[in-house]
Amino acid sequence: MIDSEAHLEEQKAQLRTEALARREAVPQADRADAAKAAAQHFLEGVPLQDGQIVALYWPIRDEIDCKPLLTKLVDSGQPVALPVVLGEDLPLELRLWEDGQPLYPSGFGTLAPAETAPVVTPDIVVIPLLGFDKSGTRLGYGKGYYDRTLAAIGRKPLLVGYAFAGQELDFIPREAHDLPLDLLVTETGLRRFGAA
């Protein structure tokens, strides 16, 4: 059992290296247009109802920029939450963010709402990722923040991966705690997985 777990971790580490290289390969000149296109695909394809809370993220490193989507959602009056890193082995805290409210450093280069912002339970979670495959398996950074957060929510929100199309991998091994994506949004369109 230990050998298979070690092999799985080694396999995922190799996949992370490959996925990171693919993400870094997206030309800087194309990134702003890709972010705008992804936001448009989200707004046209993800079923949103008034009042549903959408948890997004503040992009770090070479992640696809979800700020165009964040801006459009907030401008339309859709409630938006951003994650707060509370500790290394803890779930993320999802706090409501409203336009004009300041954001503060929250670890790993992210920004988050103030401590006084309401903690909310999202209906839709937009998840950053390193890679994804055709079955909707997401490859994250390996720290487990979103796994712990989704487990702590208590009910399954709609899970939407947000990435560049070039981050697709042939196959990502799925562990028991890995919840598959319902939808994936890239600059080229929207994909549905399972019964979504």
Protein backbone atom coordinates (compact mmCIF):
# COMPACT_ATOMS: atom_id res chain seq x y z
CA MET A 1 0.00 0.00 0.00
CA ILE A 2 2.78 2.41 0.91
CA ASP A 3 4.57 1.68 -2.38
CA SER A 4 1.42 2.43 -4.39
CA GLU A 5 0.85 5.69 -2.45
CA ALA A 6 4.46 6.71 -3.05
CA HIS A 7 4.11 5.84 -6.75
CA LEU A 8 0.90 7.88 -6.99
CA GLU A 9 2.55 10.90 -5.36
CA GLU A 10 5.52 10.57 -7.71
CA GLN A 11 3.17 10.32 -10.70
CA LYS A 12 1.24 13.41 -9.57
CA ALA A 13 4.48 15.34 -9.01
CA GLN A 14 5.52 14.58 -12.60
CA LEU A 15 2.09 15.65 -13.85
CA ARG A 16 2.35 18.90 -11.87
CA THR A 17 5.69 19.65 -13.52
CA GLU A 18 4.20 19.00 -16.96
CA ALA A 19 1.05 21.02 -16.26
CA LEU A 20 3.01 23.95 -14.86
CA ALA A 21 5.19 24.01 -17.98
CA ARG A 22 2.08 24.00 -20.17
CA ARG A 23 0.55 26.86 -18.23
CA GLU A 24 3.78 28.87 -18.30
CA ALA A 25 3.96 28.33 -22.08
CA VAL A 26 0.85 30.45 -22.69
CA PRO A 27 2.27 33.65 -24.26
CA GLN A 28 1.96 36.76 -22.11
CA ALA A 29 0.52 38.60 -25.11
CA ASP A 30 -2.42 36.15 -25.25
CA ARG A 31 -3.29 36.04 -21.55
CA ALA A 32 -5.55 39.10 -21.29
CA ASP A 33 -7.65 38.03 -24.28
CA ALA A 34 -7.83 34.47 -22.90
CA ALA A 35 -9.06 35.79 -19.54
CA LYS A 36 -11.78 37.88 -21.20
CA ALA A 37 -12.86 34.96 -23.41
CA ALA A 38 -13.04 32.58 -20.43
CA ALA A 39 -15.16 35.10 -18.50
CA GLN A 40 -17.57 35.33 -21.44
CA HIS A 41 -17.82 31.53 -21.73
CA PHE A 42 -18.55 31.29 -18.00
CA LEU A 43 -21.30 33.93 -18.17
CA GLU A 44 -22.88 32.33 -21.25
CA GLY A 45 -22.66 28.71 -20.11
CA VAL A 46 -22.73 28.37 -16.32
CA PRO A 47 -26.27 28.32 -14.93
CA LEU A 48 -26.44 31.23 -12.48
CA GLN A 49 -29.45 32.22 -10.41
CA ASP A 50 -29.89 35.55 -8.65
CA GLY A 51 -28.47 35.40 -5.16
CA GLN A 52 -26.32 32.31 -5.72
CA ILE A 53 -22.91 32.81 -4.17
CA VAL A 54 -19.97 32.25 -6.50
CA ALA A 55 -16.62 31.51 -4.85
CA LEU A 56 -13.74 32.64 -7.04
CA TYR A 57 -10.02 33.04 -6.34
CA TRP A 58 -7.42 35.77 -6.62
CA PRO A 59 -5.02 34.56 -9.34
CA ILE A 60 -1.40 33.81 -8.51
CA ARG A 61 1.65 32.99 -10.60
CA ASP A 62 0.61 32.06 -14.14
CA GLU A 63 -3.01 31.08 -13.37
CA ILE A 64 -5.61 32.26 -15.84
CA ASP A 65 -6.79 35.65 -14.63
CA CYS A 66 -10.32 35.38 -13.27
CA LYS A 67 -10.51 39.09 -12.39
CA PRO A 68 -12.50 39.90 -15.58
CA LEU A 69 -15.09 37.33 -14.43
CA LEU A 70 -14.98 38.62 -10.86
CA THR A 71 -15.64 42.17 -12.09
CA LYS A 72 -18.55 41.13 -14.33
CA LEU A 73 -20.19 39.10 -11.57
CA VAL A 74 -19.85 41.87 -8.98
CA ASP A 75 -21.08 44.49 -11.47
CA SER A 76 -24.17 42.36 -12.16
CA GLY A 77 -24.97 42.07 -8.44
CA GLN A 78 -24.02 38.39 -8.10
CA PRO A 79 -22.63 37.66 -4.60
CA VAL A 80 -18.95 36.71 -4.80
CA ALA A 81 -16.70 35.12 -2.19
CA LEU A 82 -12.92 34.87 -2.10
CA PRO A 83 -10.85 32.31 -0.17
CA VAL A 84 -8.80 33.11 2.90
CA VAL A 85 -5.87 30.91 3.93
CA LEU A 86 -6.23 30.26 7.68
CA GLY A 87 -3.50 27.69 8.15
CA GLU A 88 -1.56 24.96 6.39
CA ASP A 89 -3.83 22.05 7.34
CA LEU A 90 -7.12 23.95 7.53
CA PRO A 91 -9.86 24.46 4.95
CA LEU A 92 -10.07 27.82 3.24
CA GLU A 93 -12.54 30.30 4.68
CA LEU A 94 -14.79 31.77 1.98
CA ARG A 95 -15.62 35.41 2.68
CA LEU A 96 -18.09 37.60 0.84
CA TRP A 97 -16.45 40.39 -1.14
CA GLU A 98 -18.21 43.49 -2.40
CA ASP A 99 -16.97 46.02 -4.91
CA GLY A 100 -14.91 48.75 -3.31
CA GLN A 101 -13.99 46.72 -0.24
CA PRO A 102 -10.24 46.47 0.30
CA LEU A 103 -8.42 43.18 -0.16
CA TYR A 104 -5.55 42.05 2.04
CA PRO A 105 -2.67 39.56 1.61
CA SER A 106 -3.80 36.04 2.51
CA GLY A 107 -0.84 33.79 1.86
CA PHE A 108 0.65 32.34 -1.33
CA GLY A 109 0.42 35.75 -3.03
CA THR A 110 -3.38 35.86 -2.92
CA LEU A 111 -5.60 38.69 -1.74
CA ALA A 112 -8.72 38.22 0.38
CA PRO A 113 -11.51 40.20 2.05
CA ALA A 114 -11.10 41.59 5.56
CA GLU A 115 -11.70 39.51 8.69
CA THR A 116 -14.98 41.38 9.19
CA ALA A 117 -16.40 40.15 5.85
CA PRO A 118 -19.16 37.55 6.26
CA VAL A 119 -18.16 33.89 5.92
CA VAL A 120 -20.45 32.23 3.37
CA THR A 121 -21.28 28.85 1.87
CA PRO A 122 -21.01 29.02 -1.92
CA ASP A 123 -23.39 27.53 -4.47
CA ILE A 124 -20.71 27.54 -7.17
CA VAL A 125 -16.96 27.16 -6.63
CA VAL A 126 -14.61 28.30 -9.38
CA ILE A 127 -11.40 26.37 -8.78
CA PRO A 128 -7.91 27.22 -10.00
CA LEU A 129 -5.84 24.27 -11.15
CA LEU A 130 -2.59 23.11 -12.66
CA GLY A 131 -4.14 20.52 -14.95
CA PHE A 132 -7.31 18.69 -15.88
CA ASP A 133 -8.22 15.65 -17.94
CA LYS A 134 -11.13 14.63 -20.15
CA SER A 135 -12.97 12.98 -17.24
CA GLY A 136 -13.03 16.17 -15.17
CA THR A 137 -10.27 15.23 -12.75
CA ARG A 138 -8.47 18.30 -11.43
CA LEU A 139 -4.79 18.44 -10.59
CA GLY A 140 -4.09 21.05 -7.94
CA TYR A 141 -0.90 22.17 -6.26
CA GLY A 142 -0.90 19.21 -3.88
CA LYS A 143 -1.55 21.07 -0.64
CA GLY A 144 -5.17 19.89 -0.32
CA TYR A 145 -6.74 23.29 0.41
CA TYR A 146 -9.69 22.83 -1.94
CA ASP A 147 -10.14 19.16 -0.96
CA ARG A 148 -10.45 20.19 2.71
CA THR A 149 -12.64 23.17 1.87
CA LEU A 150 -15.08 21.17 -0.24
CA ALA A 151 -15.28 18.46 2.44
CA ALA A 152 -16.02 21.13 5.08
CA ILE A 153 -18.83 22.74 3.07
CA GLY A 154 -21.08 19.77 3.80
CA ARG A 155 -22.98 19.86 0.52
CA LYS A 156 -21.57 19.70 -2.95
CA PRO A 157 -21.55 23.02 -4.77
CA LEU A 158 -21.25 23.19 -8.55
CA LEU A 159 -17.51 22.76 -9.20
CA VAL A 160 -16.13 24.77 -12.09
CA GLY A 161 -12.50 24.43 -13.14
CA TYR A 162 -10.99 27.59 -14.64
CA ALA A 163 -7.89 27.21 -16.78
CA PHE A 164 -6.14 27.66 -20.10
CA ALA A 165 -7.09 25.01 -22.66
CA GLY A 166 -3.42 24.04 -22.94
CA GLN A 167 -3.43 22.74 -19.36
CA GLU A 168 -5.27 19.57 -20.39
CA LEU A 169 -3.40 16.35 -19.57
CA ASP A 170 -4.06 12.88 -20.97
CA PHE A 171 -4.89 11.29 -17.61
CA ILE A 172 -4.80 12.30 -13.94
CA PRO A 173 -5.20 9.56 -11.33
CA ARG A 174 -8.19 10.28 -9.10
CA GLU A 175 -8.06 9.51 -5.38
CA ALA A 176 -11.10 8.94 -3.16
CA HIS A 177 -11.02 12.53 -1.84
CA ASP A 178 -10.78 14.06 -5.33
CA LEU A 179 -14.15 15.48 -6.34
CA PRO A 180 -14.47 15.67 -10.13
CA LEU A 181 -15.28 18.95 -11.81
CA ASP A 182 -18.82 19.49 -13.04
CA LEU A 183 -17.75 22.06 -15.60
CA LEU A 184 -14.53 23.41 -17.04
CA VAL A 185 -14.15 26.89 -18.49
CA THR A 186 -11.23 27.86 -20.71
CA GLU A 187 -10.62 30.54 -23.29
CA THR A 188 -11.92 28.13 -25.95
CA GLY A 189 -15.25 27.29 -24.33
CA LEU A 190 -17.10 25.36 -21.65
CA ARG A 191 -17.04 21.59 -21.08
CA ARG A 192 -19.47 19.54 -19.01
CA PHE A 193 -18.56 16.38 -17.13
CA GLY A 194 -20.84 13.72 -15.69
CA ALA A 195 -24.43 14.82 -15.13
CA ALA A 196 -23.68 18.57 -15.07
